[in-house]
Amino acid sequence: MADGRALAPGDGFGEALVLSEPLSFWGGVDPSTGRIIDARHPQLGASVVGRVLVLPSGRGSSSSSSVLAECVRAGVAPAALVLREPDLILALGAIVAAELYGTALPVVVLPDEAYAAIRTGDRVRVHAGDRAACVEADG
């Protein structure tokens, strides 16, 4: 179990998908299928639907927040986002989705050691409160 910092509150549980590079949801994720569509991304074609998406950070466009919110609306969003570096654009998308659609998508930041311990395929439970977060991975 690792303690982290909550950027958006909520609870999520699912199989981890660890991305080797940052990802922009705008142009990087199809909001109708939840698949990674960025042709340059190493995990091209992977589905984020219902997964605990573990990524170093977001990448670029402020429109990522609206694409993430649209993924929530369409039911193709990750179960949670676990970041190594804070990304307020992704946090904003999760917060807006919670307000508009009533669906919480926790966004948390973990210290480097705890972040690096999560592997693709691990079952991960995320609890994010107002400020603090707890992430449990069971490989």
Protein backbone atom coordinates (compact mmCIF):
# COMPACT_ATOMS: atom_id res chain seq x y z
CA MET A 1 0.00 0.00 0.00
CA ALA A 2 1.25 3.46 -0.88
CA ASP A 3 0.14 6.90 0.18
CA GLY A 4 -0.11 9.62 -2.42
CA ARG A 5 -1.69 12.93 -3.22
CA ALA A 6 -5.26 13.18 -4.52
CA LEU A 7 -5.90 15.52 -7.46
CA ALA A 8 -9.50 14.34 -7.99
CA PRO A 9 -11.47 12.32 -5.43
CA GLY A 10 -13.07 8.94 -5.89
CA ASP A 11 -12.58 5.21 -5.69
CA GLY A 12 -11.43 2.97 -8.50
CA PHE A 13 -10.45 -0.64 -8.94
CA GLY A 14 -9.12 -2.53 -11.94
CA GLU A 15 -6.25 -4.09 -13.77
CA ALA A 16 -3.30 -1.76 -14.23
CA LEU A 17 -2.16 -0.56 -17.62
CA VAL A 18 1.26 1.02 -17.17
CA LEU A 19 2.21 3.43 -19.94
CA SER A 20 5.88 3.89 -20.71
CA GLU A 21 5.37 7.46 -21.98
CA PRO A 22 3.03 10.37 -21.22
CA LEU A 23 -0.27 10.45 -23.11
CA SER A 24 -2.46 13.23 -24.41
CA PHE A 25 -6.12 12.26 -24.34
CA TRP A 26 -6.72 14.80 -27.13
CA GLY A 27 -5.64 12.96 -30.26
CA GLY A 28 -4.28 10.10 -28.18
CA VAL A 29 -7.43 8.33 -26.97
CA ASP A 30 -10.58 7.60 -28.99
CA PRO A 31 -13.43 8.92 -26.81
CA SER A 32 -15.90 6.48 -28.34
CA THR A 33 -13.86 3.30 -27.75
CA GLY A 34 -11.31 4.16 -25.05
CA ARG A 35 -8.42 2.86 -27.20
CA ILE A 36 -5.06 4.59 -27.50
CA ILE A 37 -4.91 5.97 -31.04
CA ASP A 38 -1.71 8.03 -30.94
CA ALA A 39 0.33 6.36 -33.70
CA ARG A 40 3.60 7.32 -31.95
CA HIS A 41 2.65 5.95 -28.54
CA PRO A 42 4.26 2.62 -27.52
CA GLN A 43 0.93 1.31 -26.21
CA LEU A 44 -0.97 2.12 -29.44
CA GLY A 45 -4.17 0.07 -29.61
CA ALA A 46 -4.38 -0.68 -25.89
CA SER A 47 -7.73 -0.12 -24.20
CA VAL A 48 -7.94 2.14 -21.16
CA VAL A 49 -11.57 1.14 -20.44
CA GLY A 50 -12.01 0.13 -16.81
CA ARG A 51 -8.25 -0.03 -16.27
CA VAL A 52 -6.23 1.77 -13.65
CA LEU A 53 -4.16 3.85 -16.04
CA VAL A 54 -0.66 4.37 -14.68
CA LEU A 55 1.20 7.06 -16.60
CA PRO A 56 4.11 9.39 -15.97
CA SER A 57 1.95 12.42 -16.77
CA GLY A 58 -0.40 13.78 -19.36
CA ARG A 59 1.08 15.28 -22.49
CA GLY A 60 -0.03 18.48 -23.95
CA SER A 61 -3.30 19.90 -25.02
CA SER A 62 -5.67 21.47 -22.56
CA SER A 63 -8.38 19.74 -24.61
CA SER A 64 -7.35 16.50 -22.89
CA SER A 65 -9.67 17.45 -20.03
CA SER A 66 -12.70 17.52 -22.32
CA VAL A 67 -11.74 14.25 -24.02
CA LEU A 68 -11.31 12.56 -20.62
CA ALA A 69 -14.72 13.87 -19.53
CA GLU A 70 -16.22 12.58 -22.79
CA CYS A 71 -14.69 9.15 -22.11
CA VAL A 72 -16.45 9.17 -18.73
CA ARG A 73 -19.76 10.18 -20.36
CA ALA A 74 -19.42 7.42 -22.97
CA GLY A 75 -18.53 4.77 -20.38
CA VAL A 76 -15.06 4.13 -21.82
CA ALA A 77 -12.92 5.89 -19.20
CA PRO A 78 -10.23 4.35 -17.03
CA ALA A 79 -11.24 3.30 -13.51
CA ALA A 80 -8.57 5.63 -12.10
CA LEU A 81 -5.47 7.58 -13.11
CA VAL A 82 -2.21 7.09 -11.22
CA LEU A 83 0.46 9.64 -12.10
CA ARG A 84 4.11 10.13 -11.29
CA GLU A 85 3.85 13.90 -11.84
CA PRO A 86 0.81 16.10 -11.16
CA ASP A 87 -1.30 16.92 -14.21
CA LEU A 88 -3.98 19.49 -13.53
CA ILE A 89 -5.48 19.16 -17.01
CA LEU A 90 -6.35 15.51 -16.38
CA ALA A 91 -7.54 16.33 -12.87
CA LEU A 92 -9.82 19.03 -14.31
CA GLY A 93 -11.34 16.52 -16.75
CA ALA A 94 -12.10 14.15 -13.89
CA ILE A 95 -13.59 16.90 -11.73
CA VAL A 96 -15.77 18.19 -14.57
CA ALA A 97 -16.95 14.65 -15.37
CA ALA A 98 -17.95 14.14 -11.74
CA GLU A 99 -19.97 17.37 -11.79
CA LEU A 100 -21.62 16.80 -15.18
CA TYR A 101 -22.14 13.04 -15.17
CA GLY A 102 -22.01 12.07 -11.48
CA THR A 103 -19.16 9.63 -12.08
CA ALA A 104 -16.02 9.98 -9.98
CA LEU A 105 -12.69 9.22 -11.65
CA PRO A 106 -9.92 9.34 -9.03
CA VAL A 107 -6.67 10.98 -10.08
CA VAL A 108 -3.67 10.49 -7.78
CA VAL A 109 0.05 11.20 -7.74
CA LEU A 110 2.39 8.66 -6.17
CA PRO A 111 5.99 8.99 -5.01
CA ASP A 112 8.52 7.56 -7.50
CA GLU A 113 9.18 4.29 -5.64
CA ALA A 114 5.49 3.41 -5.23
CA TYR A 115 4.73 4.44 -8.82
CA ALA A 116 7.54 2.24 -10.18
CA ALA A 117 6.29 -0.79 -8.22
CA ILE A 118 3.04 -1.06 -10.22
CA ARG A 119 3.11 -3.43 -13.21
CA THR A 120 0.69 -3.92 -16.07
CA GLY A 121 -1.76 -6.61 -15.04
CA ASP A 122 -1.60 -5.88 -11.30
CA ARG A 123 -5.00 -5.51 -9.64
CA VAL A 124 -5.02 -1.99 -8.23
CA ARG A 125 -7.40 -0.29 -5.81
CA VAL A 126 -7.34 3.51 -5.59
CA HIS A 127 -8.96 5.63 -2.92
CA ALA A 128 -8.61 9.39 -3.27
CA GLY A 129 -10.05 11.74 -0.68
CA ASP A 130 -9.96 15.51 -0.67
CA ARG A 131 -6.16 15.64 -0.43
CA ALA A 132 -4.70 12.27 0.46
CA ALA A 133 -4.79 9.09 -1.58
CA CYS A 134 -4.11 5.43 -0.97
CA VAL A 135 -3.14 2.99 -3.73
CA GLU A 136 -2.98 -0.76 -3.22
CA ALA A 137 -1.51 -3.01 -5.92
CA ASP A 138 -1.74 -6.78 -5.80
CA GLY A 139 0.41 -8.40 -8.47
